[in-house]
Amino acid sequence: QVQLVESGGGLVQPGGSLRLSCAASGRIFGIYPMGWYRQAPGKQRESVATITSGGITNYADSVKGRFTISRDNAKNTVYLQMNSLKPEDTAVYYCKITTRVYDYWGQGTQVTVSS
């Protein structure tokens, strides 16, 4: 009933930038917190950045100052602008929306930072 469609991943050199997008659709009926999470091979999934319905943001220490999360409530879309990318940022990135009844996840998009 709820779908999250992610886009924007790819291969980028260290120091480069990417912007991820995630559009939520379906039976949402409101504005809810959303966020970006990532999982590298052999690692646990971790929170990267979150944003409340009112636009309050929170970042992992490892990305603070380099990544920016934003949202367009009219489109139920969340973005992640990633600058000054490092090889350790390489992971599958997932978006999430937290509704009153369930947490819904996107399918994931691969981000690879390599020279």
N, C-alpha and C. Protein backbone atom coordinates (compact mmCIF):
# COMPACT_ATOMS: atom_id res chain seq x y z
N GLN A 1 0.81 -1.22 0.00
CA GLN A 1 0.00 0.00 0.00
C GLN A 1 0.85 1.27 0.00
N VAL A 2 2.08 1.18 0.49
CA VAL A 2 3.01 2.29 0.47
C VAL A 2 4.27 1.85 -0.25
N GLN A 3 4.73 2.67 -1.18
CA GLN A 3 5.94 2.37 -1.93
C GLN A 3 6.90 3.54 -1.86
N LEU A 4 8.18 3.24 -1.77
CA LEU A 4 9.24 4.23 -1.80
C LEU A 4 10.14 3.91 -2.98
N VAL A 5 10.30 4.87 -3.87
CA VAL A 5 11.11 4.69 -5.07
C VAL A 5 12.33 5.59 -4.98
N GLU A 6 13.51 4.98 -4.95
CA GLU A 6 14.77 5.70 -4.81
C GLU A 6 15.47 5.83 -6.15
N SER A 7 16.26 6.88 -6.27
CA SER A 7 17.06 7.09 -7.46
C SER A 7 18.26 7.97 -7.12
N GLY A 8 19.24 7.99 -8.02
CA GLY A 8 20.37 8.90 -7.89
C GLY A 8 21.69 8.27 -7.51
N GLY A 9 21.70 6.98 -7.21
CA GLY A 9 22.94 6.32 -6.87
C GLY A 9 23.83 6.15 -8.08
N GLY A 10 25.08 5.76 -7.82
CA GLY A 10 26.01 5.54 -8.90
C GLY A 10 27.44 5.50 -8.42
N LEU A 11 28.36 5.58 -9.38
CA LEU A 11 29.79 5.57 -9.12
C LEU A 11 30.33 6.98 -9.18
N VAL A 12 31.10 7.36 -8.17
CA VAL A 12 31.66 8.70 -8.11
C VAL A 12 33.06 8.62 -7.52
N GLN A 13 33.93 9.54 -7.93
CA GLN A 13 35.29 9.59 -7.39
C GLN A 13 35.31 10.23 -6.01
N PRO A 14 36.31 9.90 -5.20
CA PRO A 14 36.44 10.58 -3.91
C PRO A 14 36.45 12.10 -4.08
N GLY A 15 35.72 12.78 -3.21
CA GLY A 15 35.58 14.21 -3.30
C GLY A 15 34.41 14.67 -4.15
N GLY A 16 33.78 13.74 -4.84
CA GLY A 16 32.66 14.08 -5.70
C GLY A 16 31.36 14.18 -4.94
N SER A 17 30.27 14.38 -5.70
CA SER A 17 28.94 14.58 -5.13
C SER A 17 27.90 13.74 -5.83
N LEU A 18 26.86 13.40 -5.09
CA LEU A 18 25.68 12.74 -5.63
C LEU A 18 24.46 13.27 -4.88
N ARG A 19 23.30 13.22 -5.53
CA ARG A 19 22.05 13.54 -4.86
C ARG A 19 21.08 12.39 -5.02
N LEU A 20 20.64 11.84 -3.90
CA LEU A 20 19.67 10.77 -3.89
C LEU A 20 18.27 11.34 -3.69
N SER A 21 17.29 10.70 -4.33
CA SER A 21 15.90 11.08 -4.19
C SER A 21 15.08 9.86 -3.81
N CYS A 22 14.03 10.08 -3.05
CA CYS A 22 13.12 9.00 -2.66
C CYS A 22 11.71 9.56 -2.58
N ALA A 23 10.83 9.04 -3.42
CA ALA A 23 9.44 9.48 -3.47
C ALA A 23 8.54 8.41 -2.87
N ALA A 24 7.72 8.81 -1.91
CA ALA A 24 6.77 7.91 -1.27
C ALA A 24 5.39 8.09 -1.89
N SER A 25 4.69 6.98 -2.08
CA SER A 25 3.34 7.03 -2.63
C SER A 25 2.49 5.94 -2.00
N GLY A 26 1.17 6.09 -2.14
CA GLY A 26 0.25 5.12 -1.60
C GLY A 26 -0.56 5.67 -0.43
N ARG A 27 -0.97 4.77 0.45
CA ARG A 27 -1.84 5.13 1.56
C ARG A 27 -1.04 5.68 2.73
N ILE A 28 -0.63 6.92 2.61
CA ILE A 28 0.16 7.58 3.64
C ILE A 28 -0.71 8.53 4.48
N PHE A 29 -1.44 9.39 3.84
CA PHE A 29 -2.42 10.27 4.49
C PHE A 29 -1.81 11.12 5.60
N GLY A 30 -0.70 11.75 5.29
CA GLY A 30 -0.08 12.65 6.25
C GLY A 30 1.38 12.88 5.94
N ILE A 31 1.99 13.74 6.74
CA ILE A 31 3.40 14.03 6.63
C ILE A 31 4.11 13.37 7.80
N TYR A 32 5.11 12.55 7.52
CA TYR A 32 5.76 11.75 8.55
C TYR A 32 7.27 11.89 8.48
N PRO A 33 7.96 11.53 9.57
CA PRO A 33 9.42 11.54 9.52
C PRO A 33 9.95 10.62 8.43
N MET A 34 11.03 11.04 7.80
CA MET A 34 11.69 10.23 6.79
C MET A 34 13.19 10.25 7.06
N GLY A 35 13.89 9.32 6.44
CA GLY A 35 15.32 9.27 6.67
C GLY A 35 16.05 8.44 5.64
N TRP A 36 17.38 8.56 5.69
CA TRP A 36 18.27 7.77 4.85
C TRP A 36 19.15 6.89 5.73
N TYR A 37 19.31 5.65 5.32
CA TYR A 37 20.13 4.67 6.01
C TYR A 37 21.03 4.00 4.99
N ARG A 38 22.13 3.42 5.46
CA ARG A 38 23.03 2.76 4.53
C ARG A 38 23.58 1.48 5.14
N GLN A 39 23.96 0.57 4.26
CA GLN A 39 24.55 -0.69 4.68
C GLN A 39 25.69 -1.04 3.74
N ALA A 40 26.89 -1.12 4.30
CA ALA A 40 28.07 -1.53 3.55
C ALA A 40 28.26 -3.03 3.71
N PRO A 41 28.98 -3.67 2.78
CA PRO A 41 29.21 -5.11 2.88
C PRO A 41 29.82 -5.49 4.22
N GLY A 42 29.23 -6.47 4.87
CA GLY A 42 29.73 -6.94 6.15
C GLY A 42 29.44 -6.05 7.33
N LYS A 43 28.67 -4.99 7.12
CA LYS A 43 28.37 -4.04 8.18
C LYS A 43 26.87 -4.01 8.47
N GLN A 44 26.52 -3.50 9.64
CA GLN A 44 25.13 -3.31 10.00
C GLN A 44 24.57 -2.09 9.29
N ARG A 45 23.25 -2.10 9.08
CA ARG A 45 22.60 -0.93 8.54
C ARG A 45 22.64 0.19 9.59
N GLU A 46 22.98 1.40 9.15
CA GLU A 46 23.10 2.52 10.07
C GLU A 46 22.32 3.72 9.56
N SER A 47 21.89 4.53 10.50
CA SER A 47 21.22 5.77 10.16
C SER A 47 22.23 6.78 9.65
N VAL A 48 21.88 7.44 8.55
CA VAL A 48 22.72 8.48 7.96
C VAL A 48 22.18 9.86 8.29
N ALA A 49 20.90 10.06 8.01
CA ALA A 49 20.26 11.35 8.24
C ALA A 49 18.76 11.16 8.34
N THR A 50 18.12 11.93 9.20
CA THR A 50 16.67 11.89 9.35
C THR A 50 16.12 13.30 9.32
N ILE A 51 14.84 13.41 8.98
CA ILE A 51 14.19 14.71 8.94
C ILE A 51 12.74 14.53 9.39
N THR A 52 12.29 15.40 10.29
CA THR A 52 10.93 15.34 10.80
C THR A 52 9.97 15.97 9.82
N SER A 53 8.68 15.85 10.13
CA SER A 53 7.66 16.46 9.28
C SER A 53 7.82 17.98 9.23
N GLY A 54 8.39 18.56 10.28
CA GLY A 54 8.62 19.99 10.34
C GLY A 54 9.96 20.45 9.82
N GLY A 55 10.79 19.49 9.35
CA GLY A 55 12.06 19.86 8.74
C GLY A 55 13.26 19.85 9.67
N ILE A 56 13.10 19.34 10.89
CA ILE A 56 14.23 19.22 11.80
C ILE A 56 15.09 18.04 11.39
N THR A 57 16.40 18.25 11.29
CA THR A 57 17.30 17.23 10.77
C THR A 57 18.24 16.70 11.84
N ASN A 58 18.73 15.49 11.59
CA ASN A 58 19.73 14.86 12.43
C ASN A 58 20.66 14.05 11.54
N TYR A 59 21.97 14.09 11.85
CA TYR A 59 22.96 13.43 11.01
C TYR A 59 23.88 12.55 11.84
N ALA A 60 24.33 11.49 11.21
CA ALA A 60 25.41 10.71 11.80
C ALA A 60 26.67 11.56 11.83
N ASP A 61 27.48 11.37 12.86
CA ASP A 61 28.71 12.15 12.98
C ASP A 61 29.61 11.99 11.76
N SER A 62 29.60 10.82 11.15
CA SER A 62 30.48 10.54 10.03
C SER A 62 30.14 11.34 8.77
N VAL A 63 28.92 11.86 8.68
CA VAL A 63 28.52 12.60 7.48
C VAL A 63 28.21 14.06 7.77
N LYS A 64 28.22 14.46 9.02
CA LYS A 64 27.87 15.82 9.38
C LYS A 64 28.80 16.81 8.68
N GLY A 65 28.21 17.82 8.08
CA GLY A 65 28.97 18.81 7.34
C GLY A 65 29.19 18.48 5.89
N ARG A 66 28.93 17.24 5.50
CA ARG A 66 29.11 16.82 4.12
C ARG A 66 27.79 16.48 3.43
N PHE A 67 26.85 15.92 4.18
CA PHE A 67 25.56 15.51 3.63
C PHE A 67 24.47 16.46 4.11
N THR A 68 23.45 16.64 3.28
CA THR A 68 22.30 17.45 3.64
C THR A 68 21.02 16.71 3.26
N ILE A 69 20.13 16.52 4.23
CA ILE A 69 18.84 15.91 3.96
C ILE A 69 17.79 17.02 3.86
N SER A 70 16.86 16.86 2.93
CA SER A 70 15.79 17.82 2.76
C SER A 70 14.55 17.08 2.28
N ARG A 71 13.41 17.77 2.27
CA ARG A 71 12.17 17.12 1.85
C ARG A 71 11.24 18.10 1.16
N ASP A 72 10.37 17.55 0.35
CA ASP A 72 9.31 18.28 -0.30
C ASP A 72 8.01 17.61 0.13
N ASN A 73 7.31 18.22 1.07
CA ASN A 73 6.12 17.59 1.63
C ASN A 73 5.00 17.42 0.60
N ALA A 74 4.90 18.34 -0.34
CA ALA A 74 3.87 18.23 -1.36
C ALA A 74 4.06 17.00 -2.23
N LYS A 75 5.31 16.57 -2.38
CA LYS A 75 5.62 15.40 -3.19
C LYS A 75 5.91 14.16 -2.36
N ASN A 76 5.88 14.28 -1.03
CA ASN A 76 6.30 13.19 -0.15
C ASN A 76 7.64 12.61 -0.60
N THR A 77 8.57 13.50 -0.85
CA THR A 77 9.87 13.12 -1.36
C THR A 77 10.97 13.62 -0.42
N VAL A 78 11.96 12.78 -0.19
CA VAL A 78 13.11 13.15 0.62
C VAL A 78 14.36 13.05 -0.25
N TYR A 79 15.30 13.96 -0.01
CA TYR A 79 16.53 14.02 -0.78
C TYR A 79 17.73 13.89 0.15
N LEU A 80 18.83 13.42 -0.40
CA LEU A 80 20.09 13.41 0.32
C LEU A 80 21.17 13.93 -0.61
N GLN A 81 21.64 15.14 -0.35
CA GLN A 81 22.75 15.71 -1.09
C GLN A 81 24.04 15.28 -0.41
N MET A 82 24.89 14.59 -1.15
CA MET A 82 26.13 14.05 -0.60
C MET A 82 27.30 14.72 -1.29
N ASN A 83 28.09 15.46 -0.52
CA ASN A 83 29.27 16.15 -1.02
C ASN A 83 30.52 15.60 -0.35
N SER A 84 31.66 15.90 -0.95
CA SER A 84 32.95 15.46 -0.41
C SER A 84 32.94 13.98 -0.07
N LEU A 85 32.47 13.19 -1.00
CA LEU A 85 32.30 11.76 -0.75
C LEU A 85 33.64 11.06 -0.53
N LYS A 86 33.62 10.09 0.37
CA LYS A 86 34.78 9.31 0.73
C LYS A 86 34.54 7.84 0.40
N PRO A 87 35.61 7.06 0.19
CA PRO A 87 35.42 5.63 -0.07
C PRO A 87 34.59 4.93 1.00
N GLU A 88 34.71 5.35 2.26
CA GLU A 88 33.94 4.73 3.32
C GLU A 88 32.45 5.04 3.25
N ASP A 89 32.04 5.94 2.37
CA ASP A 89 30.62 6.18 2.14
C ASP A 89 30.00 5.13 1.22
N THR A 90 30.80 4.27 0.63
CA THR A 90 30.30 3.24 -0.26
C THR A 90 29.36 2.31 0.48
N ALA A 91 28.14 2.17 -0.03
CA ALA A 91 27.12 1.36 0.62
C ALA A 91 25.86 1.36 -0.24
N VAL A 92 24.92 0.51 0.13
CA VAL A 92 23.58 0.61 -0.40
C VAL A 92 22.81 1.56 0.50
N TYR A 93 22.20 2.56 -0.10
CA TYR A 93 21.46 3.57 0.65
C TYR A 93 19.96 3.31 0.53
N TYR A 94 19.29 3.32 1.67
CA TYR A 94 17.86 3.06 1.75
C TYR A 94 17.14 4.26 2.35
N CYS A 95 15.98 4.58 1.82
CA CYS A 95 15.16 5.60 2.47
C CYS A 95 14.04 4.93 3.25
N LYS A 96 13.51 5.65 4.23
CA LYS A 96 12.47 5.12 5.10
C LYS A 96 11.47 6.22 5.44
N ILE A 97 10.22 5.82 5.54
CA ILE A 97 9.18 6.70 6.07
C ILE A 97 8.56 6.01 7.28
N THR A 98 8.38 6.76 8.36
CA THR A 98 7.79 6.23 9.58
C THR A 98 6.38 6.77 9.73
N THR A 99 5.39 5.92 9.47
CA THR A 99 3.99 6.32 9.60
C THR A 99 3.46 5.89 10.96
N ARG A 100 2.16 6.15 11.20
CA ARG A 100 1.55 5.76 12.46
C ARG A 100 1.50 4.26 12.66
N VAL A 101 1.50 3.50 11.56
CA VAL A 101 1.27 2.06 11.66
C VAL A 101 2.47 1.21 11.29
N TYR A 102 3.45 1.74 10.54
CA TYR A 102 4.53 0.91 10.04
C TYR A 102 5.67 1.75 9.51
N ASP A 103 6.85 1.17 9.49
CA ASP A 103 8.01 1.74 8.82
C ASP A 103 8.13 1.12 7.43
N TYR A 104 8.18 1.95 6.40
CA TYR A 104 8.30 1.46 5.04
C TYR A 104 9.67 1.83 4.49
N TRP A 105 10.28 0.87 3.78
CA TRP A 105 11.63 1.03 3.25
C TRP A 105 11.64 1.01 1.73
N GLY A 106 12.56 1.76 1.16
CA GLY A 106 12.81 1.68 -0.27
C GLY A 106 13.63 0.46 -0.61
N GLN A 107 13.84 0.25 -1.90
CA GLN A 107 14.55 -0.94 -2.36
C GLN A 107 16.06 -0.81 -2.23
N GLY A 108 16.55 0.38 -2.04
CA GLY A 108 17.97 0.63 -1.93
C GLY A 108 18.59 1.06 -3.25
N THR A 109 19.58 1.93 -3.16
CA THR A 109 20.33 2.36 -4.34
C THR A 109 21.82 2.34 -4.00
N GLN A 110 22.62 1.80 -4.90
CA GLN A 110 24.04 1.62 -4.65
C GLN A 110 24.81 2.91 -4.87
N VAL A 111 25.64 3.26 -3.90
CA VAL A 111 26.58 4.37 -4.01
C VAL A 111 27.98 3.81 -3.86
N THR A 112 28.81 4.01 -4.87
CA THR A 112 30.19 3.53 -4.84
C THR A 112 31.12 4.71 -5.02
N VAL A 113 32.02 4.90 -4.07
CA VAL A 113 33.00 5.98 -4.12
C VAL A 113 34.38 5.35 -4.31
N SER A 114 34.95 5.54 -5.48
CA SER A 114 36.20 4.89 -5.81
C SER A 114 36.92 5.66 -6.91
N SER A 115 38.24 5.62 -6.86
CA SER A 115 39.05 6.23 -7.90
C SER A 115 39.41 5.23 -8.99
